Each structure stands twice: as C-alpha cells, then as structure tokens.
Amino acid sequence: MLLFAVEVSPAHIQIDRLSHGKLVYAPLLACLVVCVWRLLDGSDQVIAMRVALAALAGSYAVHVLGPDAVRALGWGTDSWAYQVKVGLKEGTELSGWVLLVVALWRVGGVAVGREKGSRDAYRTGTGDPPRGAPRPPVRPRVEASPMGCRQSGRG
C-alpha cells in the first residue's frame, strides 16, 4: 500500500529529482525482501519467490543504473536505447510483482484450505481441533447389552 501511495503521489517526483532519490527506496525494499523471504521460506513456493525477488532486484538495478549507462553510451531520453531500458525495467518489475503475488496467494490458499479442512475434520469427529479451539466435553459412551443400554463407567 505504501508503494502505491508513493507512486501516485507527487512525492515520487520529488524523490526522483534528488541525486540520491532512488536510494531512498532501498530500506523499504530490503524490509520487503526480508518479510517475504521469512514468510515463504520452507514452502513449495520458494523457487517462485526467489525468481520474483531476483526480477525485482534486477528492475531496481536498471532503475538506478540505467539512465547513467544510457547517457554514458551517448544516448538521450528520446533514443531507442532509453526506451529499451524503460521496457526492460518495467517488464522485470511487472514479472517480479506478478510472480510474488501468485506465490503469496498460493501459500495463503494452502494455509486457509488446511485450516478449513482441519475445522471440517474436527466437526465430523475425524480430526483434532484447530489450534486454539477449546476441546468439547467428553461424552460418555453408550453401550448396547442384552439387558438394555447402559453408560460405560457407571454401575
């Protein structure tokens, strides 16, 4: 949400005008990487997460280093080289975000499905209660005998 707010606000333009403006985003992005890494580590989506984070890191590198590289090669902002740089940066950023969202969605869906399955199994008496759920009182078992029904544990 914060990244969206920064992109649509005039703050984005003011930050980019600074000589070190693009580096302002580095701590926020590093925090994002650590959080996502901890969240998805050990899941079946680790490869998608790593590819997504690599694409986002590549996009950030092109964003920071690209304009200077294009200028050093003698091209301006109206050249085809600059447009290739923009396409590369935007494409890697979009692919990184899409991969990351899909990986998070799949991990979240599995966790929700696992929790729902646990609740359903608990309700039907075939599983343990979900974490944090109180256990119901144990009901006495009713046994049938030739002399009639009696509760176990009573004489």
Protein backbone atom coordinates (compact mmCIF):
# COMPACT_ATOMS: atom_id res chain seq x y z
CA MET A 1 0.00 0.00 0.00
CA LEU A 2 2.86 2.33 0.84
CA LEU A 3 4.49 1.72 -2.54
CA PHE A 4 1.19 2.52 -4.28
CA ALA A 5 0.80 5.74 -2.30
CA VAL A 6 4.34 6.80 -3.18
CA GLU A 7 3.81 6.07 -6.89
CA VAL A 8 0.58 8.05 -7.25
CA SER A 9 1.58 10.98 -5.08
CA PRO A 10 3.77 13.94 -6.04
CA ALA A 11 6.32 12.61 -3.52
CA HIS A 12 7.52 10.15 -6.19
CA ILE A 13 8.55 13.01 -8.49
CA GLN A 14 10.24 14.93 -5.67
CA ILE A 15 12.19 11.85 -4.53
CA ASP A 16 13.32 11.06 -8.08
CA ARG A 17 14.64 14.63 -8.50
CA LEU A 18 17.12 14.12 -5.67
CA SER A 19 20.59 12.95 -6.70
CA HIS A 20 20.28 10.01 -4.29
CA GLY A 21 16.48 9.75 -4.62
CA LYS A 22 16.29 6.19 -5.86
CA LEU A 23 18.32 5.02 -2.86
CA VAL A 24 15.53 6.27 -0.55
CA TYR A 25 13.54 3.19 -1.56
CA ALA A 26 16.34 0.74 -0.65
CA PRO A 27 15.48 0.28 3.07
CA LEU A 28 11.80 -0.21 2.30
CA LEU A 29 12.58 -2.76 -0.40
CA ALA A 30 15.10 -4.56 1.83
CA CYS A 31 12.44 -4.86 4.53
CA LEU A 32 10.01 -6.23 1.96
CA VAL A 33 12.56 -8.85 0.84
CA VAL A 34 13.21 -9.99 4.43
CA CYS A 35 9.50 -10.26 5.23
CA VAL A 36 8.64 -12.18 2.06
CA TRP A 37 11.68 -14.45 2.47
CA ARG A 38 10.67 -15.34 6.05
CA LEU A 39 7.05 -15.85 5.06
CA LEU A 40 7.70 -18.16 2.11
CA ASP A 41 10.84 -19.92 3.31
CA GLY A 42 10.18 -23.64 3.60
CA SER A 43 7.07 -23.59 1.43
CA ASP A 44 6.70 -25.11 -2.03
CA GLN A 45 6.78 -21.57 -3.48
CA VAL A 46 10.43 -20.84 -2.61
CA ILE A 47 11.62 -21.01 -6.22
CA ALA A 48 8.90 -18.64 -7.45
CA MET A 49 9.73 -16.28 -4.59
CA ARG A 50 13.45 -16.29 -5.40
CA VAL A 51 12.82 -15.67 -9.10
CA ALA A 52 10.38 -12.86 -8.23
CA LEU A 53 12.83 -11.20 -5.85
CA ALA A 54 15.64 -11.55 -8.41
CA ALA A 55 13.43 -9.90 -11.06
CA LEU A 56 12.57 -7.06 -8.68
CA ALA A 57 16.24 -6.62 -7.76
CA GLY A 58 17.14 -6.54 -11.45
CA SER A 59 14.44 -3.96 -12.10
CA TYR A 60 15.72 -1.81 -9.25
CA ALA A 61 19.28 -2.07 -10.59
CA VAL A 62 18.13 -0.98 -14.06
CA HIS A 63 16.14 1.84 -12.43
CA VAL A 64 19.19 3.09 -10.52
CA LEU A 65 21.99 2.42 -13.02
CA GLY A 66 20.15 2.53 -16.37
CA PRO A 67 19.89 6.26 -17.01
CA ASP A 68 23.60 6.81 -16.33
CA ALA A 69 24.53 3.85 -18.53
CA VAL A 70 22.40 5.16 -21.41
CA ARG A 71 23.90 8.66 -21.03
CA ALA A 72 27.44 7.21 -20.86
CA LEU A 73 26.84 5.48 -24.19
CA GLY A 74 25.87 8.82 -25.73
CA TRP A 75 22.11 8.34 -25.98
CA GLY A 76 19.45 10.62 -24.56
CA THR A 77 15.95 10.09 -23.22
CA ASP A 78 14.48 10.28 -26.72
CA SER A 79 16.61 7.41 -28.10
CA TRP A 80 15.65 3.79 -28.76
CA ALA A 81 18.27 2.67 -26.20
CA TYR A 82 16.49 4.60 -23.47
CA GLN A 83 13.17 3.07 -24.49
CA VAL A 84 14.72 -0.42 -24.35
CA LYS A 85 15.95 0.40 -20.83
CA VAL A 86 12.44 1.50 -19.83
CA GLY A 87 10.90 -1.66 -21.31
CA LEU A 88 13.44 -3.87 -19.54
CA LYS A 89 12.89 -2.11 -16.22
CA GLU A 90 9.09 -2.17 -16.44
CA GLY A 91 8.98 -5.76 -17.69
CA THR A 92 11.20 -7.16 -14.95
CA GLU A 93 9.31 -5.18 -12.31
CA LEU A 94 5.93 -6.42 -13.52
CA SER A 95 7.08 -10.03 -13.77
CA GLY A 96 8.57 -9.85 -10.27
CA TRP A 97 5.40 -8.48 -8.70
CA VAL A 98 3.16 -10.96 -10.53
CA LEU A 99 5.30 -13.94 -9.51
CA LEU A 100 5.44 -12.71 -5.92
CA VAL A 101 1.68 -12.17 -5.67
CA VAL A 102 0.98 -15.62 -7.14
CA ALA A 103 3.42 -17.28 -4.72
CA LEU A 104 1.90 -15.47 -1.73
CA TRP A 105 -1.61 -16.26 -2.94
CA ARG A 106 -0.81 -19.96 -3.32
CA VAL A 107 0.78 -20.18 0.13
CA GLY A 108 -2.15 -18.29 1.66
CA GLY A 109 -4.66 -20.50 -0.14
CA VAL A 110 -2.96 -23.66 1.09
CA ALA A 111 -2.94 -22.36 4.67
CA VAL A 112 -6.62 -21.40 4.50
CA GLY A 113 -7.50 -24.75 2.92
CA ARG A 114 -5.52 -26.61 5.57
CA GLU A 115 -7.26 -24.70 8.36
CA LYS A 116 -10.70 -25.21 6.76
CA GLY A 117 -10.00 -28.91 6.31
CA SER A 118 -8.94 -29.14 9.94
CA ARG A 119 -12.17 -27.48 11.09
CA ASP A 120 -14.29 -29.77 8.90
CA ALA A 121 -12.49 -32.87 10.16
CA TYR A 122 -12.97 -31.68 13.74
CA ARG A 123 -16.69 -31.08 13.22
CA THR A 124 -17.20 -34.56 11.82
CA GLY A 125 -15.18 -36.16 14.62
CA THR A 126 -12.38 -37.41 12.37
CA GLY A 127 -9.66 -34.94 13.32
CA ASP A 128 -8.10 -32.83 16.01
CA PRO A 129 -9.44 -29.38 16.82
CA PRO A 130 -7.91 -26.38 15.08
CA ARG A 131 -5.20 -24.59 17.04
CA GLY A 132 -6.65 -22.54 19.87
CA ALA A 133 -10.10 -24.15 19.70
CA PRO A 134 -11.48 -25.43 23.01
CA ARG A 135 -12.00 -29.14 23.24
CA PRO A 136 -15.64 -30.20 23.77
CA PRO A 137 -16.53 -32.12 26.90
CA VAL A 138 -16.12 -35.87 26.63
CA ARG A 139 -19.50 -37.56 26.39
CA PRO A 140 -19.93 -40.97 27.97
CA ARG A 141 -20.08 -43.83 25.52
CA VAL A 142 -23.37 -45.69 25.32
CA GLU A 143 -23.03 -49.46 25.04
CA ALA A 144 -25.69 -51.88 23.99
CA SER A 145 -26.08 -55.09 26.01
CA PRO A 146 -28.66 -57.84 26.07
CA MET A 147 -30.11 -56.32 29.22
CA GLY A 148 -30.54 -52.86 27.63
CA CYS A 149 -28.40 -49.77 27.14
CA ARG A 150 -26.09 -48.56 29.81
CA GLN A 151 -23.45 -45.87 30.02
CA SER A 152 -19.89 -47.01 30.38
CA GLY A 153 -18.24 -46.01 33.62
CA ARG A 154 -21.41 -46.37 35.69
CA GLY A 155 -22.57 -49.42 37.58
